[in-house]
C-alpha atoms as a PDB file:
ATOM      1  CA  MET A   1     -41.884-122.797  -5.041  1.00  0.00           C
ATOM      2  CA  ARG A   2     -41.064-123.565  -8.621  1.00  0.00           C
ATOM      3  CA  PHE A   3     -40.863-120.971 -11.391  1.00  0.00           C
ATOM      4  CA  PRO A   4     -44.247-121.805 -13.042  1.00  0.00           C
ATOM      5  CA  GLN A   5     -45.956-121.469  -9.659  1.00  0.00           C
ATOM      6  CA  ILE A   6     -44.243-118.127  -8.992  1.00  0.00           C
ATOM      7  CA  LEU A   7     -45.235-116.918 -12.447  1.00  0.00           C
ATOM      8  CA  ALA A   8     -48.863-117.959 -11.888  1.00  0.00           C
ATOM      9  CA  ALA A   9     -48.971-116.263  -8.470  1.00  0.00           C
ATOM     10  CA  THR A  10     -47.512-113.059  -9.945  1.00  0.00           C
ATOM     11  CA  ALA A  11     -50.087-113.061 -12.739  1.00  0.00           C
ATOM     12  CA  LEU A  12     -52.896-113.369 -10.186  1.00  0.00           C
ATOM     13  CA  VAL A  13     -51.589-110.414  -8.182  1.00  0.00           C
ATOM     14  CA  ILE A  14     -51.197-108.254 -11.298  1.00  0.00           C
ATOM     15  CA  SER A  15     -54.644-109.087 -12.665  1.00  0.00           C
ATOM     16  CA  GLY A  16     -56.215-108.362  -9.274  1.00  0.00           C
ATOM     17  CA  THR A  17     -54.470-104.999  -9.132  1.00  0.00           C
ATOM     18  CA  ALA A  18     -55.624-104.084 -12.648  1.00  0.00           C
ATOM     19  CA  ALA A  19     -59.224-105.011 -11.833  1.00  0.00           C
ATOM     20  CA  GLN A  20     -59.077-102.976  -8.642  1.00  0.00           C
ATOM     21  CA  ALA A  21     -57.691 -99.969 -10.540  1.00  0.00           C
ATOM     22  CA  GLN A  22     -60.615-100.136 -12.992  1.00  0.00           C
ATOM     23  CA  ASP A  23     -63.105-100.305 -10.118  1.00  0.00           C
ATOM     24  CA  ASN A  24     -61.571 -97.173  -8.576  1.00  0.00           C
ATOM     25  CA  ARG A  25     -61.797 -95.154 -11.789  1.00  0.00           C
ATOM     26  CA  PRO A  26     -62.699 -91.571 -10.861  1.00  0.00           C
ATOM     27  CA  GLU A  27     -66.028 -90.069 -11.810  1.00  0.00           C
ATOM     28  CA  PHE A  28     -65.555 -87.614 -14.632  1.00  0.00           C
ATOM     29  CA  ASP A  29     -67.926 -84.787 -15.536  1.00  0.00           C
ATOM     30  CA  ILE A  30     -67.215 -82.663 -18.614  1.00  0.00           C
ATOM     31  CA  ALA A  31     -69.648 -79.923 -17.517  1.00  0.00           C
ATOM     32  CA  ALA A  32     -67.016 -77.338 -16.514  1.00  0.00           C
ATOM     33  CA  THR A  33     -65.159 -77.610 -19.804  1.00  0.00           C
ATOM     34  CA  GLN A  34     -68.340 -77.707 -21.878  1.00  0.00           C
ATOM     35  CA  THR A  35     -69.822 -74.645 -20.154  1.00  0.00           C
ATOM     36  CA  CYS A  36     -66.585 -72.740 -20.660  1.00  0.00           C
ATOM     37  CA  PHE A  37     -66.429 -73.809 -24.309  1.00  0.00           C
ATOM     38  CA  GLU A  38     -69.974 -72.619 -24.944  1.00  0.00           C
ATOM     39  CA  THR A  39     -69.649 -69.258 -23.167  1.00  0.00           C
ATOM     40  CA  VAL A  40     -66.122 -68.073 -23.999  1.00  0.00           C
ATOM     41  CA  ARG A  41     -65.255 -66.441 -27.330  1.00  0.00           C
ATOM     42  CA  SER A  42     -63.558 -68.823 -29.741  1.00  0.00           C
ATOM     43  CA  ASN A  43     -60.205 -66.991 -29.519  1.00  0.00           C
ATOM     44  CA  ASP A  44     -60.086 -67.493 -25.751  1.00  0.00           C
ATOM     45  CA  ARG A  45     -61.167 -71.139 -25.488  1.00  0.00           C
ATOM     46  CA  ARG A  46     -57.657 -72.219 -24.522  1.00  0.00           C
ATOM     47  CA  ILE A  47     -58.566 -71.334 -20.936  1.00  0.00           C
ATOM     48  CA  CYS A  48     -61.165 -74.133 -21.018  1.00  0.00           C
ATOM     49  CA  VAL A  49     -58.548 -76.865 -21.501  1.00  0.00           C
ATOM     50  CA  GLY A  50     -58.068 -78.930 -18.366  1.00  0.00           C
ATOM     51  CA  LEU A  51     -60.957 -77.543 -16.322  1.00  0.00           C
ATOM     52  CA  SER A  52     -62.866 -80.819 -15.988  1.00  0.00           C
ATOM     53  CA  SER A  53     -59.784 -83.016 -15.678  1.00  0.00           C
ATOM     54  CA  ASN A  54     -58.449 -80.792 -12.865  1.00  0.00           C
ATOM     55  CA  ILE A  55     -61.733 -81.118 -10.976  1.00  0.00           C
ATOM     56  CA  CYS A  56     -61.595 -84.880 -11.521  1.00  0.00           C
ATOM     57  CA  MET A  57     -57.987 -85.091 -10.294  1.00  0.00           C
ATOM     58  CA  ASN A  58     -58.934 -83.289  -7.078  1.00  0.00           C
ATOM     59  CA  SER A  59     -61.258 -86.161  -6.145  1.00  0.00           C
ATOM     60  CA  ALA A  60     -60.023 -89.007  -3.945  1.00  0.00           C
ATOM     61  CA  SER A  61     -59.854 -91.573  -6.757  1.00  0.00           C
ATOM     62  CA  GLY A  62     -58.529 -88.998  -9.223  1.00  0.00           C
ATOM     63  CA  SER A  63     -55.459 -88.202  -7.148  1.00  0.00           C
ATOM     64  CA  THR A  64     -53.655 -91.464  -7.932  1.00  0.00           C
ATOM     65  CA  THR A  65     -51.444 -91.861 -10.971  1.00  0.00           C
ATOM     66  CA  VAL A  66     -54.005 -94.158 -12.607  1.00  0.00           C
ATOM     67  CA  GLY A  67     -56.818 -91.799 -11.647  1.00  0.00           C
ATOM     68  CA  MET A  68     -55.020 -88.766 -13.070  1.00  0.00           C
ATOM     69  CA  GLY A  69     -54.475 -90.598 -16.337  1.00  0.00           C
ATOM     70  CA  ALA A  70     -58.152 -91.521 -16.481  1.00  0.00           C
ATOM     71  CA  CYS A  71     -59.223 -87.916 -15.809  1.00  0.00           C
ATOM     72  CA  ILE A  72     -56.921 -86.508 -18.480  1.00  0.00           C
ATOM     73  CA  ASP A  73     -57.900 -89.202 -20.980  1.00  0.00           C
ATOM     74  CA  SER A  74     -61.607 -88.525 -20.453  1.00  0.00           C
ATOM     75  CA  GLU A  75     -61.205 -84.839 -21.223  1.00  0.00           C
ATOM     76  CA  LEU A  76     -58.885 -85.594 -24.134  1.00  0.00           C
ATOM     77  CA  GLN A  77     -61.565 -87.786 -25.702  1.00  0.00           C
ATOM     78  CA  TRP A  78     -64.104 -84.938 -25.407  1.00  0.00           C
ATOM     79  CA  TRP A  79     -61.732 -82.452 -27.081  1.00  0.00           C
ATOM     80  CA  ASP A  80     -60.899 -84.982 -29.790  1.00  0.00           C
ATOM     81  CA  ALA A  81     -64.601 -85.460 -30.538  1.00  0.00           C
ATOM     82  CA  LYS A  82     -65.042 -81.663 -30.723  1.00  0.00           C
ATOM     83  CA  LEU A  83     -62.123 -81.407 -33.144  1.00  0.00           C
ATOM     84  CA  SER A  84     -63.447 -84.234 -35.337  1.00  0.00           C
ATOM     85  CA  ASP A  85     -66.918 -82.709 -35.424  1.00  0.00           C
ATOM     86  CA  THR A  86     -65.585 -79.263 -36.357  1.00  0.00           C
ATOM     87  CA  TYR A  87     -63.303 -80.715 -39.021  1.00  0.00           C
ATOM     88  CA  SER A  88     -66.189 -82.713 -40.535  1.00  0.00           C
ATOM     89  CA  ARG A  89     -68.406 -79.618 -40.679  1.00  0.00           C
ATOM     90  CA  LEU A  90     -65.649 -77.572 -42.307  1.00  0.00           C
ATOM     91  CA  LEU A  91     -65.094 -80.221 -44.971  1.00  0.00           C
ATOM     92  CA  ARG A  92     -68.766 -80.116 -45.939  1.00  0.00           C
END
C-alpha cells in the first residue's frame, strides 16, 4: 500500500471513530445542580458544583473519557450561563 492510500485509510478510521463518539454522547440532565442552586443559600452553593456531571459520568456512556468530558462540559456551560446572567443583572 502506498502512502496516500494509507493516509486515506487512516482518515476514514479516525472520522468513523469521531462520528461514533458523537453518537454515544451521554444524556445530560442539569436538574440536580439546578435544584441545589435554587434551594441552597448563596454562601453554600459550592456544594452544587459537579452534581449533574457526576450523575452523568455514572451512566454507561458517561464513563468513557469522551463521555466524562461531555458531562463536565455540559455542566460548565450551565454555570457559565448563570455567571453571565448574574453579571449582566449586576451591571444594570
